[in-house]
Protein backbone atom coordinates (compact mmCIF):
# COMPACT_ATOMS: atom_id res chain seq x y z
CA MET A 1 -59.89 -103.83 -44.61
CA ASN A 2 -57.32 -102.86 -47.24
CA PHE A 3 -57.80 -103.21 -50.96
CA ILE A 4 -54.83 -104.76 -52.80
CA ASN A 5 -54.78 -105.35 -56.52
CA PRO A 6 -52.74 -108.57 -57.02
CA ILE A 7 -52.06 -107.78 -60.67
CA GLU A 8 -50.29 -104.60 -59.58
CA ILE A 9 -48.18 -106.15 -56.82
CA LEU A 10 -47.20 -108.98 -59.22
CA GLU A 11 -46.33 -106.35 -61.84
CA LEU A 12 -48.58 -107.99 -64.46
CA GLU A 13 -50.25 -104.76 -65.57
CA ASN A 14 -48.95 -105.09 -69.11
CA THR A 15 -49.74 -108.78 -69.42
CA ASP A 16 -52.80 -109.72 -71.39
CA ILE A 17 -55.41 -111.17 -69.07
CA ALA A 18 -56.01 -113.96 -71.54
CA VAL A 19 -52.52 -115.40 -71.03
CA ILE A 20 -52.35 -115.01 -67.29
CA ASP A 21 -52.38 -118.55 -65.93
CA ASN A 22 -51.19 -120.38 -62.84
CA SER A 23 -47.57 -120.66 -64.02
CA ILE A 24 -47.28 -116.94 -64.76
CA VAL A 25 -48.80 -116.10 -61.40
CA LYS A 26 -46.43 -118.44 -59.54
CA LYS A 27 -43.39 -117.02 -61.32
CA ALA A 28 -44.42 -113.43 -60.51
CA LYS A 29 -45.20 -114.45 -56.93
CA ARG A 30 -41.69 -115.91 -56.40
CA LYS A 31 -40.15 -112.69 -57.67
CA LEU A 32 -42.44 -110.62 -55.39
CA PHE A 33 -41.58 -112.65 -52.28
CA ALA A 34 -37.86 -112.48 -53.12
CA ASP A 35 -38.10 -108.69 -53.30
CA ILE A 36 -39.89 -108.63 -49.95
CA ASP A 37 -37.23 -110.81 -48.37
CA LEU A 38 -34.52 -108.52 -49.69
CA SER A 39 -36.26 -105.35 -48.51
CA ASP A 40 -35.00 -103.48 -45.48
CA ASN A 41 -38.11 -104.11 -43.39
CA GLY A 42 -39.36 -107.38 -44.91
CA HIS A 43 -42.49 -105.68 -46.25
CA LEU A 44 -43.82 -104.43 -49.56
CA ASP A 45 -44.62 -100.74 -49.88
CA TYR A 46 -47.79 -100.48 -51.97
CA LYS A 47 -49.26 -97.03 -52.56
CA GLY A 48 -48.85 -96.07 -48.97
CA LEU A 49 -49.67 -99.50 -47.57
CA THR A 50 -47.14 -101.77 -45.89
CA LEU A 51 -47.85 -105.39 -46.89
CA THR A 52 -46.57 -108.66 -45.51
CA LYS A 53 -46.11 -111.80 -47.60
CA THR A 54 -49.27 -113.17 -45.93
CA ASP A 55 -51.24 -110.10 -47.06
CA CYS A 56 -49.95 -110.59 -50.58
CA GLU A 57 -50.56 -114.32 -50.69
CA LYS A 58 -54.21 -113.99 -49.69
CA VAL A 59 -55.02 -111.59 -52.48
CA ILE A 60 -52.90 -113.44 -55.06
CA ASP A 61 -54.94 -116.58 -54.40
CA GLU A 62 -58.05 -114.71 -55.54
CA LEU A 63 -56.72 -114.70 -59.12
CA GLU A 64 -57.77 -118.32 -59.36
CA ASN A 65 -61.36 -116.96 -59.61
CA ILE A 66 -61.97 -115.92 -63.20
CA ASN A 67 -64.38 -113.10 -62.18
CA ALA A 68 -61.88 -111.73 -59.67
CA LEU A 69 -59.12 -111.85 -62.32
CA GLU A 70 -61.36 -109.92 -64.73
CA PHE A 71 -62.34 -107.33 -62.11
CA TYR A 72 -58.75 -106.76 -60.94
CA SER A 73 -57.69 -106.44 -64.56
CA HIS A 74 -60.34 -103.77 -65.16
CA LEU A 75 -59.24 -101.86 -62.07
CA VAL A 76 -55.69 -101.80 -63.35
CA SER A 77 -56.97 -99.88 -66.36
CA ASN A 78 -59.33 -97.76 -64.21
CA LYS A 79 -56.57 -96.11 -62.23
CA LEU A 80 -58.78 -93.50 -60.48
CA LEU A 81 -61.13 -96.12 -59.03
CA ASN A 82 -58.27 -98.49 -58.27
CA ASP A 83 -56.32 -95.83 -56.33
CA PHE A 84 -59.45 -94.76 -54.43
CA LEU A 85 -60.01 -98.36 -53.33
CA VAL A 86 -56.38 -98.62 -52.21
CA ASN A 87 -55.77 -95.35 -50.43
CA GLY A 88 -58.88 -93.18 -50.81
CA ASN A 89 -57.42 -90.88 -53.46
CA ASP A 90 -60.44 -88.64 -54.11
CA ARG A 91 -59.46 -87.56 -57.63
CA LEU A 92 -62.04 -90.17 -58.60
CA PHE A 93 -64.86 -87.77 -57.73
CA GLU A 94 -63.52 -85.05 -59.99
CA PHE A 95 -63.21 -87.24 -63.07
CA PHE A 96 -65.78 -89.96 -62.44
CA LYS A 97 -67.44 -91.43 -65.50
CA GLN A 98 -70.08 -94.07 -65.77
CA GLU A 99 -68.87 -97.38 -67.26
CA SER A 100 -70.84 -100.40 -68.34
CA ILE A 101 -69.16 -102.67 -65.80
CA TYR A 102 -70.69 -100.57 -62.98
CA LYS A 103 -74.06 -102.01 -63.95
CA LEU A 104 -72.80 -105.50 -63.23
CA PRO A 105 -74.02 -106.49 -59.74
CA GLU A 106 -71.10 -108.91 -59.28
CA PHE A 107 -68.56 -106.13 -59.88
CA VAL A 108 -70.33 -103.73 -57.49
CA LYS A 109 -70.52 -106.46 -54.87
CA PHE A 110 -66.79 -107.15 -55.44
CA ILE A 111 -65.59 -103.58 -54.82
CA SER A 112 -68.31 -102.29 -52.46
CA PRO A 113 -66.77 -103.56 -49.19
CA TYR A 114 -63.61 -101.54 -50.00
CA PHE A 115 -65.36 -98.60 -51.64
CA SER A 116 -68.01 -97.96 -48.94
CA PRO A 117 -65.77 -97.05 -45.95
CA LYS A 118 -63.76 -94.57 -48.02
CA PHE A 119 -66.95 -93.16 -49.56
CA ASP A 120 -68.27 -92.68 -46.01
CA LYS A 121 -65.26 -90.59 -45.00
CA ALA A 122 -65.40 -88.51 -48.18
CA ILE A 123 -69.10 -87.67 -47.98
CA LEU A 124 -68.88 -86.87 -44.26
CA LYS A 125 -66.02 -84.43 -44.89
CA ALA A 126 -67.89 -82.71 -47.72
CA PHE A 127 -70.97 -82.37 -45.51
CA ILE A 128 -69.03 -80.94 -42.58
CA ASP A 129 -67.16 -78.57 -44.91
CA GLN A 130 -70.55 -77.52 -46.35
CA ASP A 131 -69.14 -78.15 -49.83
CA GLU A 132 -72.29 -78.63 -51.87
CA GLU A 133 -70.49 -79.11 -55.20
CA ARG A 134 -68.16 -81.72 -53.71
CA LEU A 135 -71.06 -83.52 -52.10
CA ARG A 136 -72.93 -83.65 -55.36
CA LYS A 137 -69.90 -85.14 -57.16
CA ILE A 138 -69.34 -87.74 -54.45
CA LEU A 139 -72.96 -88.85 -54.60
CA ARG A 140 -72.57 -89.60 -58.33
CA THR A 141 -70.39 -92.57 -57.33
CA GLN A 142 -72.95 -94.19 -55.01
CA VAL A 143 -73.78 -96.62 -57.85
CA LEU A 144 -70.67 -98.48 -56.68
CA ILE A 145 -72.21 -99.23 -53.29
CA SER A 146 -74.14 -102.47 -52.89
CA THR A 147 -77.34 -102.47 -50.87
CA ALA A 148 -75.65 -104.60 -48.22
CA ASP A 149 -73.04 -101.90 -47.62
CA LEU A 150 -75.30 -98.81 -47.48
CA ASN A 151 -75.11 -98.68 -43.69
CA VAL A 152 -71.32 -98.63 -43.95
CA ALA A 153 -71.24 -96.02 -46.71
CA PHE A 154 -73.52 -93.60 -44.85
CA LYS A 155 -72.66 -94.46 -41.25
CA GLY A 156 -70.50 -91.43 -40.47
CA LEU A 157 -72.89 -88.93 -42.04
CA SER A 158 -75.89 -90.54 -40.38
CA ILE A 159 -74.21 -90.28 -36.96
CA GLU A 160 -73.28 -86.66 -37.65
CA ILE A 161 -76.87 -85.76 -38.51
CA GLN A 162 -78.14 -87.59 -35.43
CA ASN A 163 -75.73 -85.67 -33.21
CA ARG A 164 -76.94 -82.40 -34.69
CA LEU A 165 -80.54 -83.43 -34.11
CA GLN A 166 -79.76 -84.11 -30.47
CA LYS A 167 -78.20 -80.69 -30.15
CA VAL A 168 -81.36 -78.97 -31.42
CA ASP A 169 -83.61 -81.18 -29.30
CA ALA A 170 -81.54 -80.27 -26.24
CA ILE A 171 -82.08 -76.55 -26.94
CA THR A 172 -85.83 -77.19 -27.31
CA LYS A 173 -85.95 -79.03 -24.00
CA GLU A 174 -84.05 -76.27 -22.20
CA ILE A 175 -86.43 -73.64 -23.56
CA LYS A 176 -89.52 -75.64 -22.55
CA ASN A 177 -88.10 -76.20 -19.07
CA GLU A 178 -87.17 -72.50 -18.79
CA GLU A 179 -83.52 -73.46 -18.36
CA SER A 180 -82.24 -71.89 -21.56
CA ASP A 181 -79.51 -69.26 -21.69
CA TYR A 182 -81.33 -67.60 -24.58
CA SER A 183 -83.31 -64.42 -23.96
CA ASP A 184 -85.65 -62.21 -26.01
CA GLU A 185 -82.60 -60.22 -27.08
CA ASP A 186 -80.61 -63.12 -28.60
CA ILE A 187 -83.13 -65.88 -29.36
CA ASP A 188 -82.86 -65.04 -33.06
CA ASP A 189 -79.34 -66.54 -32.92
CA VAL A 190 -81.13 -69.89 -33.08
CA ILE A 191 -81.98 -69.21 -36.71
CA ASP A 192 -78.33 -69.11 -37.79
CA LEU A 193 -77.56 -72.12 -35.61
CA VAL A 194 -80.25 -74.24 -37.27
CA LYS A 195 -79.26 -73.11 -40.74
CA ASP A 196 -75.64 -73.96 -39.98
CA LEU A 197 -76.50 -77.40 -38.60
CA PHE A 198 -78.97 -78.32 -41.32
CA GLN A 199 -78.13 -76.77 -44.65
CA THR A 200 -81.06 -77.46 -46.90
CA GLU A 201 -78.86 -77.30 -50.02
CA LEU A 202 -76.80 -80.22 -48.70
CA LEU A 203 -79.64 -82.23 -47.17
CA ASN A 204 -81.77 -82.05 -50.30
CA HIS A 205 -78.97 -83.72 -52.30
CA LEU A 206 -78.88 -86.73 -50.00
CA PRO A 207 -80.36 -90.04 -51.25
CA SER A 208 -83.54 -91.67 -49.95
CA TYR A 209 -81.47 -93.50 -47.33
CA PHE A 210 -81.58 -90.24 -45.31
CA GLN A 211 -85.28 -89.50 -45.83
CA SER A 212 -86.23 -90.62 -42.34
CA GLN A 213 -83.59 -88.37 -40.81
CA ILE A 214 -84.66 -85.42 -42.98
CA ASN A 215 -88.23 -85.91 -41.71
CA LYS A 216 -86.87 -85.96 -38.16
CA ILE A 217 -84.94 -82.74 -38.82
CA ALA A 218 -88.18 -81.09 -39.96
CA ALA A 219 -90.01 -82.32 -36.85
CA SER A 220 -87.16 -81.19 -34.61
CA ILE A 221 -87.16 -77.68 -36.08
CA ASN A 222 -90.95 -77.54 -35.72
CA PHE A 223 -90.76 -78.49 -32.03
CA LEU A 224 -88.07 -75.86 -31.54
CA GLN A 225 -90.18 -73.09 -33.11
CA LEU A 226 -93.18 -74.15 -31.00
CA ALA A 227 -91.11 -73.85 -27.82
CA ILE A 228 -89.86 -70.42 -28.90
CA TRP A 229 -93.42 -69.37 -29.84
CA ASN A 230 -94.65 -70.28 -26.36
CA GLU A 231 -91.75 -68.93 -24.31
CA PHE A 232 -90.46 -65.84 -26.13
CA ASN A 233 -92.02 -62.59 -27.27
CA THR A 234 -91.27 -63.15 -30.95
CA THR A 235 -93.01 -64.41 -34.05
CA PHE A 236 -90.06 -63.66 -36.34
CA VAL A 237 -87.91 -66.57 -35.14
CA SER A 238 -90.70 -69.13 -35.42
CA LEU A 239 -91.59 -67.87 -38.88
CA GLN A 240 -87.99 -68.04 -40.09
CA LEU A 241 -87.56 -71.58 -38.73
CA LEU A 242 -90.77 -72.82 -40.33
CA GLU A 243 -89.91 -71.14 -43.61
CA TYR A 244 -86.52 -72.86 -43.59
CA LEU A 245 -88.04 -76.17 -42.55
CA LEU A 246 -90.35 -76.16 -45.56
CA GLU A 247 -87.35 -75.84 -47.89
CA LEU A 248 -86.43 -79.43 -46.99
CA ASN A 249 -87.49 -82.32 -49.20
CA ILE A 250 -89.95 -83.69 -46.67
CA GLU A 251 -91.85 -86.93 -47.22
CA SER A 252 -93.88 -87.18 -44.06
CA VAL A 253 -97.51 -87.22 -42.96
CA SER A 254 -96.57 -84.25 -40.76
CA LYS A 255 -95.82 -81.99 -43.72
CA PRO A 256 -99.39 -80.54 -43.84
CA THR A 257 -99.04 -79.76 -40.13
CA PHE A 258 -95.79 -77.89 -40.77
CA GLN A 259 -97.48 -75.93 -43.56
CA LYS A 260 -100.46 -75.12 -41.33
CA ASN A 261 -98.16 -73.93 -38.55
CA TYR A 262 -96.32 -71.77 -41.03
CA ASP A 263 -99.56 -70.17 -42.23
CA ILE A 264 -100.66 -69.46 -38.64
CA VAL A 265 -97.33 -67.99 -37.58
CA LYS A 266 -97.02 -65.96 -40.77
CA LYS A 267 -100.44 -64.40 -40.23
CA LYS A 268 -99.66 -63.61 -36.61
CA HIS A 269 -96.27 -62.19 -37.53
CA GLU A 270 -97.77 -59.95 -40.20
CA GLU A 271 -100.33 -58.73 -37.67
CA ARG A 272 -97.57 -57.98 -35.18
CA VAL A 273 -95.50 -56.12 -37.79
CA GLU A 274 -98.60 -54.12 -38.67
CA GLN A 275 -99.25 -53.42 -34.98
CA GLU A 276 -95.69 -52.23 -34.43
CA LYS A 277 -95.98 -49.97 -37.47
CA ASN A 278 -99.21 -48.59 -36.09
CA ALA A 279 -98.10 -48.47 -32.46
CA PRO A 280 -98.78 -44.71 -32.05
CA THR A 281 -102.38 -45.19 -33.25
CA LEU A 282 -102.88 -48.19 -31.00
CA LYS A 283 -101.45 -46.27 -28.06
CA LYS A 284 -103.95 -43.48 -28.63
CA TRP A 285 -106.89 -45.88 -28.57
CA ALA A 286 -105.44 -47.79 -25.63
CA ILE A 287 -105.49 -44.54 -23.63
CA ILE A 288 -109.13 -44.03 -24.66
CA LEU A 289 -109.87 -47.59 -23.58
CA LEU A 290 -108.39 -46.89 -20.13
CA ALA A 291 -110.47 -43.71 -19.90
CA ILE A 292 -113.66 -45.71 -20.54
CA GLN A 293 -112.68 -48.23 -17.89
CA THR A 294 -112.15 -45.35 -15.48
CA GLN A 295 -115.68 -44.15 -16.25
CA ILE A 296 -116.99 -47.60 -15.32
CA LYS A 297 -115.44 -47.35 -11.87
CA SER A 298 -116.74 -43.80 -11.43
CA VAL A 299 -120.29 -44.80 -12.38
CA GLU A 300 -120.17 -47.76 -10.01
CA SER A 301 -119.00 -45.52 -7.16
CA LYS A 302 -121.62 -42.91 -8.24
CA SER A 303 -118.97 -40.20 -8.37
CA VAL A 304 -120.04 -39.70 -12.01
CA GLN A 305 -123.63 -39.67 -13.22
CA ALA A 306 -124.59 -42.14 -15.96
CA THR A 307 -125.63 -39.31 -18.29
CA ASP A 308 -122.25 -37.62 -17.86
CA ALA A 309 -120.49 -40.93 -18.54
CA PHE A 310 -122.30 -41.25 -21.86
CA GLU A 311 -121.35 -37.69 -22.82
CA LYS A 312 -117.74 -38.48 -21.92
CA VAL A 313 -117.75 -41.52 -24.22
CA LYS A 314 -119.05 -39.38 -27.10
CA GLN A 315 -116.26 -36.88 -26.47
CA LEU A 316 -113.60 -39.60 -26.34
CA ILE A 317 -114.57 -41.60 -29.40
CA SER A 318 -114.97 -40.64 -33.02
CA LEU A 319 -116.87 -43.57 -34.52
CA THR A 320 -115.84 -42.58 -38.03
CA GLU A 321 -112.16 -42.59 -37.10
CA LEU A 322 -112.35 -45.80 -35.07
CA ASN A 323 -114.22 -47.76 -37.73
CA ALA A 324 -111.89 -46.51 -40.46
CA LEU A 325 -108.85 -48.13 -38.85
CA PRO A 326 -107.44 -51.13 -40.79
CA ALA A 327 -107.64 -54.75 -39.65
CA PHE A 328 -104.74 -54.34 -37.22
CA ALA A 329 -107.14 -52.46 -34.92
CA ASN A 330 -109.73 -55.25 -34.77
CA GLU A 331 -108.68 -56.27 -31.29
CA ILE A 332 -108.65 -52.75 -29.83
CA ARG A 333 -112.02 -52.06 -31.50
CA THR A 334 -113.47 -55.15 -29.86
CA GLN A 335 -112.04 -54.19 -26.45
CA ILE A 336 -113.51 -50.69 -26.71
CA GLY A 337 -116.88 -52.14 -27.71
CA TYR A 338 -116.92 -54.50 -24.74
CA SER A 339 -115.81 -51.72 -22.37
CA ILE A 340 -118.70 -49.51 -23.49
CA ARG A 341 -120.99 -52.51 -22.97
CA SER A 342 -119.62 -52.86 -19.42
CA LEU A 343 -120.22 -49.15 -18.83
CA SER A 344 -123.79 -49.60 -20.07
CA ILE A 345 -124.32 -52.47 -17.62
CA SER A 346 -122.90 -50.37 -14.76
CA CYS A 347 -125.22 -47.46 -15.59
CA TRP A 348 -128.17 -49.81 -15.22
CA ASN A 349 -126.98 -51.94 -12.29
CA LYS A 350 -125.63 -49.10 -10.16
CA GLN A 351 -127.75 -46.11 -11.14
CA ASN A 352 -130.91 -47.62 -12.72
CA ASP A 353 -130.39 -45.30 -15.69
CA VAL A 354 -131.95 -47.31 -18.50
CA LYS A 355 -131.77 -44.41 -20.98
CA SER A 356 -128.03 -43.95 -20.59
CA SER A 357 -127.59 -47.71 -20.74
CA LEU A 358 -129.48 -47.81 -24.04
CA TYR A 359 -127.54 -44.85 -25.43
CA LEU A 360 -124.27 -46.59 -24.61
CA ILE A 361 -125.25 -49.98 -26.02
CA ASN A 362 -126.48 -48.32 -29.20
CA PHE A 363 -123.16 -46.50 -29.38
CA ALA A 364 -121.31 -49.82 -29.02
CA LEU A 365 -123.42 -51.31 -31.80
CA GLN A 366 -122.07 -48.68 -34.19
CA ILE A 367 -118.51 -49.97 -33.74
CA ASN A 368 -117.19 -52.48 -36.30
CA VAL A 369 -116.73 -55.45 -34.00
CA SER A 370 -116.98 -59.20 -34.58
CA ASP A 371 -120.33 -60.85 -35.28
CA GLU A 372 -120.12 -62.58 -31.91
CA ALA A 373 -119.71 -59.28 -30.05
CA LYS A 374 -122.42 -57.65 -32.17
CA LEU A 375 -124.85 -60.39 -31.19
CA LYS A 376 -124.18 -59.86 -27.47
CA PHE A 377 -124.70 -56.11 -27.81
CA LYS A 378 -128.01 -56.65 -29.60
CA GLN A 379 -129.18 -59.02 -26.88
CA ASP A 380 -128.33 -56.39 -24.24
CA LYS A 381 -130.23 -53.76 -26.20
CA ASN A 382 -133.32 -55.96 -26.46
CA GLU A 383 -133.28 -56.63 -22.71
CA LEU A 384 -132.92 -52.93 -21.90
CA GLU A 385 -135.76 -51.98 -24.25
CA GLU A 386 -138.01 -54.53 -22.54
CA LEU A 387 -137.12 -53.05 -19.16
CA GLU A 388 -137.79 -49.57 -20.45
CA LYS A 389 -141.26 -50.58 -21.61
CA LYS A 390 -142.04 -52.50 -18.43
CA TYR A 391 -141.03 -49.70 -16.07
CA LYS A 392 -141.96 -46.69 -18.19
CA GLY A 393 -142.29 -43.60 -16.00
CA VAL A 394 -140.37 -45.27 -13.19
CA LEU A 395 -136.95 -45.77 -14.68
CA VAL A 396 -137.14 -42.60 -16.75
CA CYS A 397 -138.49 -39.20 -15.70
CA HIS A 398 -142.08 -38.86 -17.01
CA PHE A 399 -141.73 -35.11 -17.53
CA CYS A 400 -138.60 -34.93 -19.72
CA GLU A 401 -138.49 -38.60 -20.81
CA LYS A 402 -134.71 -38.41 -20.73
CA ASN A 403 -133.17 -38.47 -17.29
CA PRO A 404 -133.33 -41.07 -14.54
CA PRO A 405 -135.47 -40.08 -11.52
CA ASP A 406 -133.82 -38.46 -8.50
CA ASP A 407 -134.70 -39.90 -5.08
CA ASN A 408 -135.25 -36.43 -3.60
CA SER A 409 -137.19 -34.91 -6.50
CA GLY A 410 -140.38 -37.00 -6.65
CA ILE A 411 -143.88 -35.52 -6.49
CA SER A 412 -146.06 -36.82 -3.65
CA GLN A 413 -149.67 -36.90 -4.77
CA THR A 414 -152.73 -37.98 -2.76
CA ILE A 415 -155.50 -39.66 -4.73
CA TYR A 416 -159.01 -40.60 -3.62
CA LYS A 417 -161.66 -43.15 -4.49
CA GLU A 418 -165.24 -43.12 -3.34
CA THR A 419 -166.25 -46.40 -1.69
CA TYR A 420 -169.76 -45.59 -0.41
CA ARG A 421 -172.37 -42.84 -0.77
CA SER A 422 -175.86 -42.31 0.74
CA TYR A 423 -178.25 -39.44 0.15
CA ILE A 424 -180.52 -39.79 3.20
CA PRO A 425 -178.70 -38.91 5.24
CA ARG A 426 -176.08 -37.41 2.91
CA ARG A 427 -172.88 -39.23 3.61
CA VAL A 428 -169.84 -40.38 1.65
CA GLN A 429 -167.01 -42.80 2.38
CA PHE A 430 -163.77 -43.00 0.46
CA SER A 431 -160.26 -44.44 0.38
CA TYR A 432 -157.10 -42.48 -0.26
CA THR A 433 -153.44 -43.20 -0.82
CA ASP A 434 -150.26 -41.27 -1.40
CA VAL A 435 -148.39 -41.96 -4.64
CA THR A 436 -144.86 -40.73 -5.34
CA ILE A 437 -144.38 -39.71 -8.95
CA PRO A 438 -140.68 -40.15 -9.92
CA ARG A 439 -139.04 -37.02 -11.26
CA CYS A 440 -135.49 -36.07 -12.21
CA LYS A 441 -133.56 -33.34 -10.53
CA SER A 442 -133.59 -31.11 -13.60
CA CYS A 443 -137.38 -31.22 -14.00
CA ASN A 444 -137.80 -30.57 -10.29
CA GLU A 445 -135.75 -27.37 -10.61
CA ILE A 446 -137.73 -26.19 -13.65
CA HIS A 447 -141.08 -26.94 -12.00
CA SER A 448 -139.96 -25.17 -8.84
CA LYS A 449 -138.91 -22.05 -10.76
CA GLY A 450 -142.30 -21.95 -12.50
CA SER A 451 -144.12 -22.39 -9.20
CA ASP A 452 -142.05 -19.65 -7.55
CA LYS A 453 -142.93 -17.23 -10.36
CA TYR A 454 -146.61 -18.19 -10.05
CA TYR A 455 -146.72 -17.36 -6.35
CA LEU A 456 -144.73 -14.20 -6.82
CA ILE A 457 -147.09 -12.88 -9.53
CA PHE A 458 -150.18 -14.13 -7.68
CA PHE A 459 -149.35 -12.28 -4.46
CA ALA A 460 -148.08 -9.22 -6.33
CA ILE A 461 -151.33 -8.80 -8.28
CA LEU A 462 -153.38 -9.71 -5.19
CA ILE A 463 -151.79 -6.87 -3.20
CA LEU A 464 -152.05 -4.54 -6.18
CA GLY A 465 -155.78 -5.31 -6.38
CA VAL A 466 -156.28 -4.54 -2.70
CA ILE A 467 -154.41 -1.24 -3.03
CA ILE A 468 -156.36 -0.19 -6.11
CA GLY A 469 -159.66 -1.12 -4.43
CA ALA A 470 -158.77 0.91 -1.35
CA ILE A 471 -157.74 4.00 -3.39
CA THR A 472 -160.83 4.04 -5.57
CA ASP A 473 -163.28 3.37 -2.83
CA GLY A 474 -162.23 2.54 0.69
CA GLU A 475 -164.94 0.03 1.41
CA HIS A 476 -164.25 -1.81 -1.88
CA PHE A 477 -160.71 -2.91 -1.05
CA ILE A 478 -162.06 -6.44 -0.47
CA ILE A 479 -163.59 -6.53 -3.97
CA GLY A 480 -160.31 -5.19 -5.36
CA GLY A 481 -158.45 -7.90 -3.51
CA ILE A 482 -160.71 -10.59 -4.93
CA ILE A 483 -160.30 -9.25 -8.46
CA GLY A 484 -156.53 -9.01 -7.92
CA ALA A 485 -156.42 -12.61 -6.65
CA VAL A 486 -158.33 -13.92 -9.67
CA VAL A 487 -156.20 -11.96 -12.13
CA GLY A 488 -153.05 -12.90 -10.22
CA TRP A 489 -153.99 -16.56 -10.32
CA VAL A 490 -154.67 -16.48 -14.06
CA ILE A 491 -151.52 -14.56 -14.92
CA GLY A 492 -149.41 -16.55 -12.46
CA LYS A 493 -150.57 -19.85 -13.87
CA ALA A 494 -149.95 -18.60 -17.40
CA VAL A 495 -146.40 -17.55 -16.49
CA GLU A 496 -145.81 -20.83 -14.67
CA GLY A 497 -147.06 -22.80 -17.69
CA ASN A 498 -144.96 -20.70 -20.05
CA GLN A 499 -141.86 -21.30 -17.91
CA VAL A 500 -142.36 -25.10 -18.08
CA SER A 501 -143.40 -25.08 -21.73
CA ASN A 502 -140.27 -23.20 -22.80
CA SER A 503 -138.12 -25.84 -21.15
CA GLY A 504 -139.65 -28.58 -23.32
CA ILE A 505 -140.92 -30.70 -20.42
CA LYS A 506 -144.37 -31.62 -19.16
CA ASP A 507 -146.03 -29.61 -16.42
CA THR A 508 -147.29 -30.95 -13.08
CA SER A 509 -150.96 -30.34 -13.73
CA GLU A 510 -153.51 -32.92 -12.73
CA LEU A 511 -154.15 -33.64 -16.40
CA THR A 512 -150.46 -34.45 -16.94
CA LEU A 513 -150.19 -36.50 -13.75
CA SER A 514 -153.30 -38.48 -14.62
CA LYS A 515 -151.47 -39.82 -17.68
CA HIS A 516 -148.51 -41.07 -15.66
CA PRO A 517 -148.05 -44.88 -15.91
CA LEU A 518 -148.39 -45.13 -12.12
CA LEU A 519 -151.77 -43.33 -12.14
CA ILE A 520 -153.40 -43.89 -15.50
CA ASP A 521 -154.94 -47.25 -14.59
CA ARG A 522 -156.15 -45.93 -11.24
CA MET A 523 -157.78 -42.95 -12.90
CA ARG A 524 -159.71 -45.38 -15.09
CA GLU A 525 -160.76 -47.26 -11.95
CA GLY A 526 -162.31 -44.10 -10.48
CA TRP A 527 -159.55 -42.56 -8.42
CA THR A 528 -159.45 -38.76 -8.41
CA PHE A 529 -157.21 -35.96 -7.20
CA SER A 530 -160.04 -34.28 -5.24
CA LYS A 531 -161.54 -35.55 -2.03
CA PRO A 532 -165.15 -36.78 -2.55
CA SER A 533 -167.74 -34.58 -0.76
CA ALA A 534 -171.20 -35.41 0.56
């Protein structure tokens, strides 16, 4: 629909509007039609438009309306607006000034049908050209658009934004369906693409008519970053997209969600940056973690003793160094703590070594882990301590109170209990049973060395006594032997006791054995180490 100013085509620009009446209009109209008839093509050339007499007659008839006459007259004096309505000359935007007539609804309604389509083209071009200054100037003129024509004035730009939204949504769909051409190496190209499609500087200048689409843009970018977060090994891209999204003038109930997502991604990204910066440190502790896990397998296969596994952990880990690591190491600290806990469980389940299990769980409790992990470690410790109390002397060697018992190192001890005795005739009846006292391999070796020295000294002094008895008086060699045996026994036992005492463990005397958890109650019930005699 073309805009034609009848006052201009009738050449009445210099005629006072007050004197323009029907006779003046008719006279000017006859002259106009005569000129058209005499033209080469039978048309009127009007500012780039080619008009027929019918086109001219329709608009000339509008001058009969006093409001139309007044509005056309104003437009003759407002050349910038008049030319824009005719042919879209955009000099209007450069020199636009507010005028009182623009506040008149009738005037806006009069020009809006002609103004809106040309405004639509101008604002679309400025948006596509990413000309923020031009866009801002164009939007100053939107006061000339009636509410009824808003859809016309913003149609082109609205379609353009919708097309761009569809483009982003298509990328999101392809990523979610694992059909995207993007890879970890080039996914950050999406950032520039989004910024190019949706320039916040331009979008934030747009009127409230576009608010719904701006909210959709924000939601679309959020869905895109979520897809990238789930499918690609990057936090940087998601963070950049969310940061850009929040620059938009969003009026949506989803805005708090966008902010929350941004906070989550930002925290994760900062952690990842910190981790990358501290990669050498993390690698070191990751190797230690693998070493602990190897110990677990070795303990379970019994190729490594539980006590040796605990010593290995102490060699591998400096608690001071591990606990001094910043927050970036929280995860590796927790993994190490749980791995030591698993090693503790294996020491108990596979080797019944409650001491080593307790040492390990106490070691894990010294690591700065989460409260949740700490609680689990404490529960394990309590359970192990209860087991240690319940099976004291069975799970731990009674003699050193350190090592787990060895299956081949126990002490077999026969104990007796009198069940009946008579004096006339003299007779006694008793029960007996064999009890195996658990003992570790180390204590067995120490006890054996002490016993070997006892027998060696005993027999040496016994023989020496016999020899001395024979030399001094031939028939007294038996007395010498007896004296040698007694002295040998005393000295041998003293050496044996000294050997055991120096090692810091308990001896295997009847007094010591009687205090063993397996025997102490029986001793109280009357059991003895010696066979009852009549």
